[in-house]
């Protein structure tokens, strides 16, 4: 469902935050921290990065002051919402010795209710992709499911794009069309500062009723749409997705893999900042007495040597094989597993790669220098392929 659009004036935004808090949600959103725009607790609108933006390029990220007081005038930072839905570290169970027995106690399912404030369209698509991984399959992650079902999503439509963005190529933005509880578009024009608001769920409509609003005029809605269209035209990257699944599957020995391996540090930054990567490992710990033990789930990466370790050694010992595994999974075999690409075009992997490796450039190079000649229809029909 979507409601008739309403207008929230800048001064009334704190009422929205208060309404969410009163409903029992822990509001988290963009804040300034560690020289970047990161996600953390938000209590008032002044906690947002007021008047700040970010400049991004391959291997480059820096904050910069804006000429206005926009609250959401940035692209995306190193954090993604998976830090709340699929935490970097999570205890799975504890074990305690009791006489000759050993009692295992599973960790309780998370009951916190988060309100994600400032979700971008690409990030919303990333959450939906992780839903397929953790919920919509034969093995449901109950902790993720509880966190997801308890979450309230406030989208902020993009009003600008960055130099590493390519969500248009992935059909994931810049405008969120569904899957949210509330969608806001920030408008600053000729001294006016307001938010065009649309409820996308009954929960969103109920929250919006607790906030001072007015009906949106056709002019207000046109300004909101114009802001999004402006972002659409600012994409800093493009990715031709036509046939990319087959392209990567059919070029495992393309020389481009050697070229990228010469630059790749196997640092795993790209997988840590990616909003869809879900690889994890488990670690068991024990105390000095041997009476207490715990099992923890922690984020891992296909770039680490131990991740693919089987009996006898690592399956992917070279940097070349690990980068190839990551890119081919993200853009190709992910489709076989989850019926979608694993990339949403947010550009984080490009920005936060220390050496500026750009997956859009890697795919383009493999496409332009394709060493595999696909058989013609005649050859295939004659069995000469």
Protein backbone atom coordinates (compact mmCIF):
# COMPACT_ATOMS: atom_id res chain seq x y z
CA UNK A 1 0.00 0.00 0.00
CA UNK A 2 1.02 3.60 -0.52
CA UNK A 3 -0.76 6.55 1.03
CA UNK A 4 -1.48 9.98 -0.28
CA UNK A 5 1.72 12.00 0.04
CA UNK A 6 2.12 14.33 3.02
CA UNK A 7 4.59 17.10 3.79
CA UNK A 8 6.68 17.12 6.97
CA UNK A 9 8.36 20.45 7.62
CA UNK A 10 11.98 20.35 8.76
CA UNK A 11 11.05 21.55 12.26
CA UNK A 12 8.58 18.65 12.62
CA UNK A 13 11.05 15.89 11.79
CA UNK A 14 11.83 15.39 15.45
CA UNK A 15 8.19 14.51 15.96
CA UNK A 16 8.70 11.55 13.64
CA UNK A 17 11.73 10.40 15.61
CA UNK A 18 9.77 10.79 18.85
CA UNK A 19 6.83 8.81 17.46
CA UNK A 20 9.14 5.94 16.53
CA UNK A 21 10.73 5.98 19.98
CA UNK A 22 7.33 6.00 21.67
CA UNK A 23 6.39 2.91 19.65
CA UNK A 24 9.36 1.08 21.16
CA UNK A 25 11.80 1.34 18.27
CA UNK A 26 15.52 1.97 18.66
CA UNK A 27 16.14 4.56 15.95
CA UNK A 28 19.42 4.13 14.07
CA UNK A 29 20.53 6.22 11.12
CA UNK A 30 23.36 8.19 9.54
CA UNK A 31 25.70 10.05 11.88
CA UNK A 32 29.19 11.50 11.71
CA UNK A 33 31.90 9.26 13.13
CA UNK A 34 35.48 8.19 12.42
CA UNK A 35 35.78 10.59 9.50
CA UNK A 36 32.81 9.12 7.65
CA UNK A 37 29.04 8.94 7.63
CA UNK A 38 28.22 5.80 9.58
CA UNK A 39 25.08 4.25 11.08
CA UNK A 40 24.45 4.62 14.79
CA UNK A 41 21.85 5.60 17.41
CA UNK A 42 19.79 8.69 16.60
CA UNK A 43 17.78 10.59 19.20
CA UNK A 44 17.18 13.93 17.45
CA UNK A 45 17.43 15.30 13.93
CA UNK A 46 20.60 17.17 14.85
CA UNK A 47 22.30 13.77 15.18
CA UNK A 48 22.08 13.38 11.41
CA UNK A 49 25.02 14.67 9.29
CA UNK A 50 23.51 18.14 8.93
CA UNK A 51 25.26 20.13 6.24
CA UNK A 52 27.70 17.36 5.29
CA UNK A 53 28.22 15.33 2.14
CA UNK A 54 30.74 12.76 0.96
CA UNK A 55 33.03 12.69 -2.06
CA UNK A 56 33.80 9.24 -3.41
CA UNK A 57 35.96 7.74 -6.14
CA UNK A 58 37.87 4.49 -6.54
CA UNK A 59 39.86 4.13 -3.32
CA UNK A 60 38.81 7.61 -2.16
CA UNK A 61 36.34 8.77 0.49
CA UNK A 62 36.24 12.14 2.19
CA UNK A 63 33.71 14.30 3.99
CA UNK A 64 32.94 17.76 2.72
CA UNK A 65 30.78 20.60 4.02
CA UNK A 66 27.72 21.46 1.98
CA UNK A 67 26.47 24.96 1.28
CA UNK A 68 23.10 24.15 2.83
CA UNK A 69 21.71 22.35 5.90
CA UNK A 70 20.61 19.15 4.21
CA UNK A 71 20.30 16.20 6.59
CA UNK A 72 20.64 13.49 3.95
CA UNK A 73 22.78 15.19 1.32
CA UNK A 74 25.28 12.35 1.04
CA UNK A 75 25.49 9.03 -0.82
CA UNK A 76 26.39 5.98 1.32
CA UNK A 77 29.21 5.33 3.77
CA UNK A 78 31.12 2.21 4.80
CA UNK A 79 28.28 0.86 6.96
CA UNK A 80 25.28 -1.07 5.71
CA UNK A 81 22.13 -2.15 7.53
CA UNK A 82 23.29 -5.74 7.67
CA UNK A 83 25.29 -4.80 10.78
CA UNK A 84 21.94 -4.82 12.60
CA UNK A 85 20.23 -7.68 10.74
CA UNK A 86 23.26 -9.96 10.33
CA UNK A 87 25.67 -8.69 13.04
CA UNK A 88 29.46 -8.97 12.62
CA UNK A 89 29.60 -11.12 15.77
CA UNK A 90 26.83 -13.17 17.35
CA UNK A 91 26.97 -15.80 20.08
CA UNK A 92 25.14 -18.97 19.05
CA UNK A 93 25.23 -20.94 22.30
CA UNK A 94 27.03 -21.43 25.59
CA UNK A 95 28.03 -24.68 27.23
CA UNK A 96 28.58 -25.32 30.92
CA UNK A 97 29.99 -28.39 32.60
CA UNK A 98 27.69 -29.81 35.28
CA UNK A 99 29.16 -32.84 37.00
CA UNK A 100 29.65 -35.45 34.32
CA UNK A 101 27.21 -33.69 31.98
CA UNK A 102 27.63 -30.69 29.69
CA UNK A 103 24.63 -28.42 29.26
CA UNK A 104 24.21 -26.39 26.07
CA UNK A 105 22.10 -23.22 26.16
CA UNK A 106 21.14 -21.69 22.79
CA UNK A 107 21.40 -17.91 22.58
CA UNK A 108 17.92 -16.33 22.78
CA UNK A 109 16.51 -14.93 19.54
CA UNK A 110 17.03 -11.15 19.24
CA UNK A 111 13.98 -9.15 20.31
CA UNK A 112 15.22 -5.59 19.70
CA UNK A 113 13.03 -3.43 17.45
CA UNK A 114 15.09 -1.18 15.19
CA UNK A 115 13.86 1.72 13.09
CA UNK A 116 16.26 2.09 10.16
CA UNK A 117 16.15 5.80 9.28
CA UNK A 118 17.70 6.93 6.01
CA UNK A 119 17.68 3.70 4.00
CA UNK A 120 18.53 4.23 0.33
CA UNK A 121 16.86 2.33 -2.48
CA UNK A 122 19.98 0.27 -3.26
CA UNK A 123 20.22 -0.65 0.42
CA UNK A 124 16.58 -1.67 0.54
CA UNK A 125 17.21 -4.01 -2.39
CA UNK A 126 20.25 -5.35 -0.52
CA UNK A 127 18.06 -6.16 2.49
CA UNK A 128 15.60 -7.94 0.21
CA UNK A 129 18.49 -9.98 -1.24
CA UNK A 130 19.61 -11.02 2.24
CA UNK A 131 16.00 -11.95 3.01
CA UNK A 132 16.29 -14.56 0.24
CA UNK A 133 19.49 -15.87 1.79
CA UNK A 134 18.38 -16.07 5.42
CA UNK A 135 14.59 -16.42 5.29
CA UNK A 136 13.25 -17.53 1.93
CA UNK A 137 14.94 -20.92 1.70
CA UNK A 138 14.88 -24.32 3.39
CA UNK A 139 17.17 -23.21 6.23
CA UNK A 140 15.74 -20.18 8.02
CA UNK A 141 18.00 -18.08 10.26
CA UNK A 142 15.58 -17.43 13.11
CA UNK A 143 17.65 -14.59 14.59
CA UNK A 144 17.78 -12.74 11.27
CA UNK A 145 14.07 -13.39 10.74
CA UNK A 146 13.19 -11.88 14.12
CA UNK A 147 15.34 -8.81 13.55
CA UNK A 148 13.88 -8.32 10.08
CA UNK A 149 10.25 -8.73 11.13
CA UNK A 150 10.73 -6.26 13.99
CA UNK A 151 12.39 -3.61 11.81
CA UNK A 152 10.71 -0.37 10.72
CA UNK A 153 12.16 1.00 7.47
CA UNK A 154 12.29 4.73 6.71
CA UNK A 155 13.60 5.25 3.21
CA UNK A 156 15.15 8.54 2.15
CA UNK A 157 15.06 8.82 -1.63
CA UNK A 158 18.36 9.78 -3.22
CA UNK A 159 18.70 13.41 -4.25
CA UNK A 160 22.25 13.00 -5.53
CA UNK A 161 24.50 10.21 -6.74
CA UNK A 162 28.20 9.62 -6.21
CA UNK A 163 31.03 8.91 -8.61
CA UNK A 164 31.00 5.21 -7.72
CA UNK A 165 27.21 4.74 -7.88
CA UNK A 166 25.63 2.55 -10.58
CA UNK A 167 22.25 1.58 -9.11
CA UNK A 168 20.47 2.55 -12.33
CA UNK A 169 22.40 -0.20 -14.14
CA UNK A 170 21.24 -2.73 -11.55
CA UNK A 171 17.60 -1.53 -11.51
CA UNK A 172 17.86 -0.88 -7.77
CA UNK A 173 17.49 2.89 -7.57
CA UNK A 174 17.70 5.73 -7.06
CA UNK A 175 14.00 5.64 -6.12
CA UNK A 176 12.53 3.02 -3.79
CA UNK A 177 9.16 1.94 -5.12
CA UNK A 178 8.07 -0.52 -2.40
CA UNK A 179 9.23 -2.54 0.60
CA UNK A 180 9.37 0.37 3.05
CA UNK A 181 7.18 1.64 5.87
CA UNK A 182 7.84 5.31 5.14
CA UNK A 183 9.58 7.01 2.24
CA UNK A 184 10.88 10.56 2.55
CA UNK A 185 12.30 12.88 -0.09
CA UNK A 186 14.25 15.85 1.23
CA UNK A 187 13.56 19.16 -0.51
CA UNK A 188 15.58 22.37 -0.05
CA UNK A 189 14.48 25.15 -2.35
CA UNK A 190 14.44 28.93 -2.01
CA UNK A 191 14.63 28.93 1.75
CA UNK A 192 12.17 26.07 2.16
CA UNK A 193 13.20 22.82 3.83
CA UNK A 194 10.68 19.98 4.01
CA UNK A 195 10.17 16.26 3.42
CA UNK A 196 7.78 14.69 0.95
CA UNK A 197 6.45 11.64 2.85
CA UNK A 198 4.65 8.54 1.63
CA UNK A 199 3.54 5.65 3.85
CA UNK A 200 4.19 2.22 2.38
CA UNK A 201 2.58 0.08 5.08
CA UNK A 202 -0.11 0.28 7.77
CA UNK A 203 2.69 0.69 10.34
CA UNK A 204 4.04 3.62 8.39
CA UNK A 205 0.63 5.24 8.06
CA UNK A 206 0.03 4.91 11.80
CA UNK A 207 3.36 6.57 12.62
CA UNK A 208 2.75 9.36 10.10
CA UNK A 209 -0.56 10.19 11.80
CA UNK A 210 1.38 11.09 14.96
CA UNK A 211 3.36 13.77 13.13
CA UNK A 212 2.30 17.28 12.19
CA UNK A 213 1.89 17.21 8.40
CA UNK A 214 -0.01 18.83 5.55
CA UNK A 215 -1.25 17.47 2.25
CA UNK A 216 1.32 17.50 -0.52
CA UNK A 217 0.45 19.63 -3.53
CA UNK A 218 1.10 18.48 -7.07
CA UNK A 219 3.99 20.95 -7.11
CA UNK A 220 5.49 19.34 -3.98
CA UNK A 221 5.28 15.89 -5.54
CA UNK A 222 6.79 17.17 -8.76
CA UNK A 223 9.76 18.60 -6.83
CA UNK A 224 10.27 15.27 -5.09
CA UNK A 225 10.25 13.40 -8.39
CA UNK A 226 12.59 15.93 -9.95
CA UNK A 227 15.10 15.43 -7.12
CA UNK A 228 15.19 11.68 -7.75
CA UNK A 229 15.50 12.13 -11.50
CA UNK A 230 18.45 14.43 -10.91
CA UNK A 231 20.20 11.63 -9.01
CA UNK A 232 19.38 9.22 -11.83
CA UNK A 233 21.35 11.38 -14.22
CA UNK A 234 24.38 11.65 -11.93
CA UNK A 235 25.52 8.02 -11.88
CA UNK A 236 29.31 7.90 -11.78
CA UNK A 237 29.53 4.33 -13.07
CA UNK A 238 27.61 2.02 -15.40
CA UNK A 239 27.55 -1.76 -15.71
CA UNK A 240 26.28 -3.58 -18.76
CA UNK A 241 24.44 -6.53 -17.20
CA UNK A 242 23.34 -8.13 -20.47
CA UNK A 243 24.66 -11.69 -20.51
CA UNK A 244 27.04 -10.99 -17.61
CA UNK A 245 26.13 -14.29 -15.93
CA UNK A 246 27.28 -16.31 -18.94
CA UNK A 247 30.19 -13.96 -19.65
CA UNK A 248 31.85 -14.64 -16.30
CA UNK A 249 31.04 -18.35 -16.26
CA UNK A 250 32.63 -18.83 -19.69
CA UNK A 251 35.83 -16.90 -18.99
CA UNK A 252 37.49 -18.52 -15.94
CA UNK A 253 40.95 -18.20 -17.49
CA UNK A 254 40.62 -14.72 -18.95
CA UNK A 255 43.94 -12.79 -18.61
CA UNK A 256 42.07 -10.00 -16.81
CA UNK A 257 41.97 -12.18 -13.68
CA UNK A 258 45.79 -12.12 -13.60
CA UNK A 259 45.80 -8.36 -14.12
CA UNK A 260 43.46 -7.64 -11.23
CA UNK A 261 45.32 -10.09 -8.99
CA UNK A 262 48.48 -8.01 -9.37
CA UNK A 263 46.67 -5.11 -7.66
CA UNK A 264 44.31 -6.88 -5.25
CA UNK A 265 45.54 -7.00 -1.63
CA UNK A 266 43.06 -9.70 -0.52
CA UNK A 267 42.18 -7.32 2.32
CA UNK A 268 38.45 -8.24 2.20
CA UNK A 269 37.35 -4.58 2.39
CA UNK A 270 34.97 -5.10 -0.52
CA UNK A 271 33.14 -7.93 1.23
CA UNK A 272 33.02 -6.15 4.59
CA UNK A 273 31.37 -3.03 3.18
CA UNK A 274 29.13 -4.91 0.74
CA UNK A 275 25.49 -4.82 1.89
CA UNK A 276 24.71 -8.28 0.47
CA UNK A 277 27.77 -10.41 1.32
CA UNK A 278 26.77 -12.95 3.95
CA UNK A 279 29.74 -15.30 4.43
CA UNK A 280 30.50 -16.20 8.02
CA UNK A 281 32.50 -18.63 10.10
CA UNK A 282 32.13 -20.06 13.60
CA UNK A 283 34.65 -19.97 16.43
CA UNK A 284 34.57 -21.98 19.63
CA UNK A 285 36.13 -20.57 22.79
CA UNK A 286 36.63 -22.01 26.25
CA UNK A 287 37.78 -20.70 29.60
CA UNK A 288 40.92 -21.85 31.42
CA UNK A 289 39.01 -24.32 33.60
CA UNK A 290 37.47 -26.07 30.62
CA UNK A 291 34.06 -25.85 32.28
CA UNK A 292 32.60 -23.09 30.07
CA UNK A 293 32.56 -22.82 26.31
CA UNK A 294 30.89 -20.60 23.72
CA UNK A 295 30.30 -20.74 19.99
CA UNK A 296 30.32 -17.47 18.04
CA UNK A 297 29.32 -16.68 14.49
CA UNK A 298 31.52 -14.02 12.85
CA UNK A 299 31.65 -12.38 9.46
CA UNK A 300 34.16 -13.97 7.13
CA UNK A 301 35.21 -13.37 3.55
CA UNK A 302 35.99 -15.44 0.48
CA UNK A 303 39.20 -13.38 0.29
CA UNK A 304 40.69 -14.95 3.43
CA UNK A 305 42.91 -17.98 3.02
CA UNK A 306 41.16 -20.01 5.71
CA UNK A 307 37.69 -19.50 4.25
CA UNK A 308 38.19 -22.12 1.54
CA UNK A 309 40.42 -24.40 3.60
CA UNK A 310 39.56 -28.07 3.24
CA UNK A 311 41.53 -31.18 4.14
CA UNK A 312 44.92 -30.78 2.52
CA UNK A 313 44.90 -27.02 2.09
CA UNK A 314 43.04 -24.04 0.69
CA UNK A 315 40.92 -24.57 -2.40
CA UNK A 316 41.63 -21.00 -3.53
CA UNK A 317 45.23 -20.32 -2.58
CA UNK A 318 45.88 -17.52 -5.08
CA UNK A 319 44.62 -13.95 -5.07
CA UNK A 320 43.48 -14.50 -8.65
CA UNK A 321 41.22 -17.38 -7.67
CA UNK A 322 39.76 -15.52 -4.70
CA UNK A 323 38.90 -12.37 -6.65
CA UNK A 324 37.46 -14.48 -9.45
CA UNK A 325 35.33 -16.38 -6.94
CA UNK A 326 33.99 -13.15 -5.43
CA UNK A 327 33.12 -11.39 -8.69
CA UNK A 328 31.74 -14.50 -10.40
CA UNK A 329 29.58 -15.32 -7.39
CA UNK A 330 28.36 -11.75 -7.00
CA UNK A 331 27.30 -11.24 -10.62
CA UNK A 332 26.79 -14.76 -11.94
CA UNK A 333 26.33 -17.83 -9.74
CA UNK A 334 24.36 -15.75 -7.22
CA UNK A 335 21.61 -15.69 -9.87
CA UNK A 336 21.54 -19.51 -9.89
CA UNK A 337 21.23 -19.56 -6.10
CA UNK A 338 18.85 -16.70 -5.37
CA UNK A 339 17.29 -15.65 -8.71
CA UNK A 340 18.92 -12.22 -8.65
CA UNK A 341 22.29 -10.54 -8.88
CA UNK A 342 24.19 -10.15 -5.64
CA UNK A 343 25.13 -6.57 -6.55
CA UNK A 344 22.90 -3.52 -5.99
CA UNK A 345 25.20 -0.88 -7.51
CA UNK A 346 25.95 1.01 -4.29
CA UNK A 347 29.62 1.40 -5.28
CA UNK A 348 30.99 0.72 -1.79
CA UNK A 349 33.40 -1.97 -3.01
CA UNK A 350 34.94 0.53 -5.44
CA UNK A 351 35.20 3.37 -2.93
CA UNK A 352 36.64 1.31 -0.09
CA UNK A 353 39.12 -0.75 -2.10
CA UNK A 354 42.56 0.60 -1.05
CA UNK A 355 43.83 0.29 -4.63
CA UNK A 356 40.60 1.38 -6.32
CA UNK A 357 39.71 -1.87 -8.11
CA UNK A 358 36.46 -1.25 -9.97
CA UNK A 359 34.22 -4.25 -10.69
CA UNK A 360 32.43 -2.33 -13.46
CA UNK A 361 35.78 -1.85 -15.21
CA UNK A 362 36.74 -5.50 -14.72
CA UNK A 363 33.51 -6.71 -16.31
CA UNK A 364 33.88 -4.20 -19.14
CA UNK A 365 37.43 -5.39 -19.85
CA UNK A 366 36.43 -9.05 -19.89
CA UNK A 367 33.56 -8.24 -22.23
CA UNK A 368 35.73 -6.21 -24.61
CA UNK A 369 38.59 -8.72 -24.58
CA UNK A 370 36.42 -11.84 -24.50
CA UNK A 371 38.68 -14.81 -25.27
CA UNK A 372 35.81 -17.26 -25.56
CA UNK A 373 34.17 -17.49 -28.95
CA UNK A 374 30.58 -18.59 -28.52
CA UNK A 375 29.38 -21.09 -31.14
CA UNK A 376 27.01 -19.89 -33.83
CA UNK A 377 23.50 -21.27 -33.97
CA UNK A 378 24.50 -23.30 -37.05
CA UNK A 379 27.52 -24.82 -35.29
CA UNK A 380 25.46 -25.64 -32.22
CA UNK A 381 22.72 -27.28 -34.31
CA UNK A 382 25.32 -29.35 -36.20
CA UNK A 383 26.93 -30.53 -32.98
CA UNK A 384 30.23 -28.82 -33.77
CA UNK A 385 30.28 -26.62 -30.69
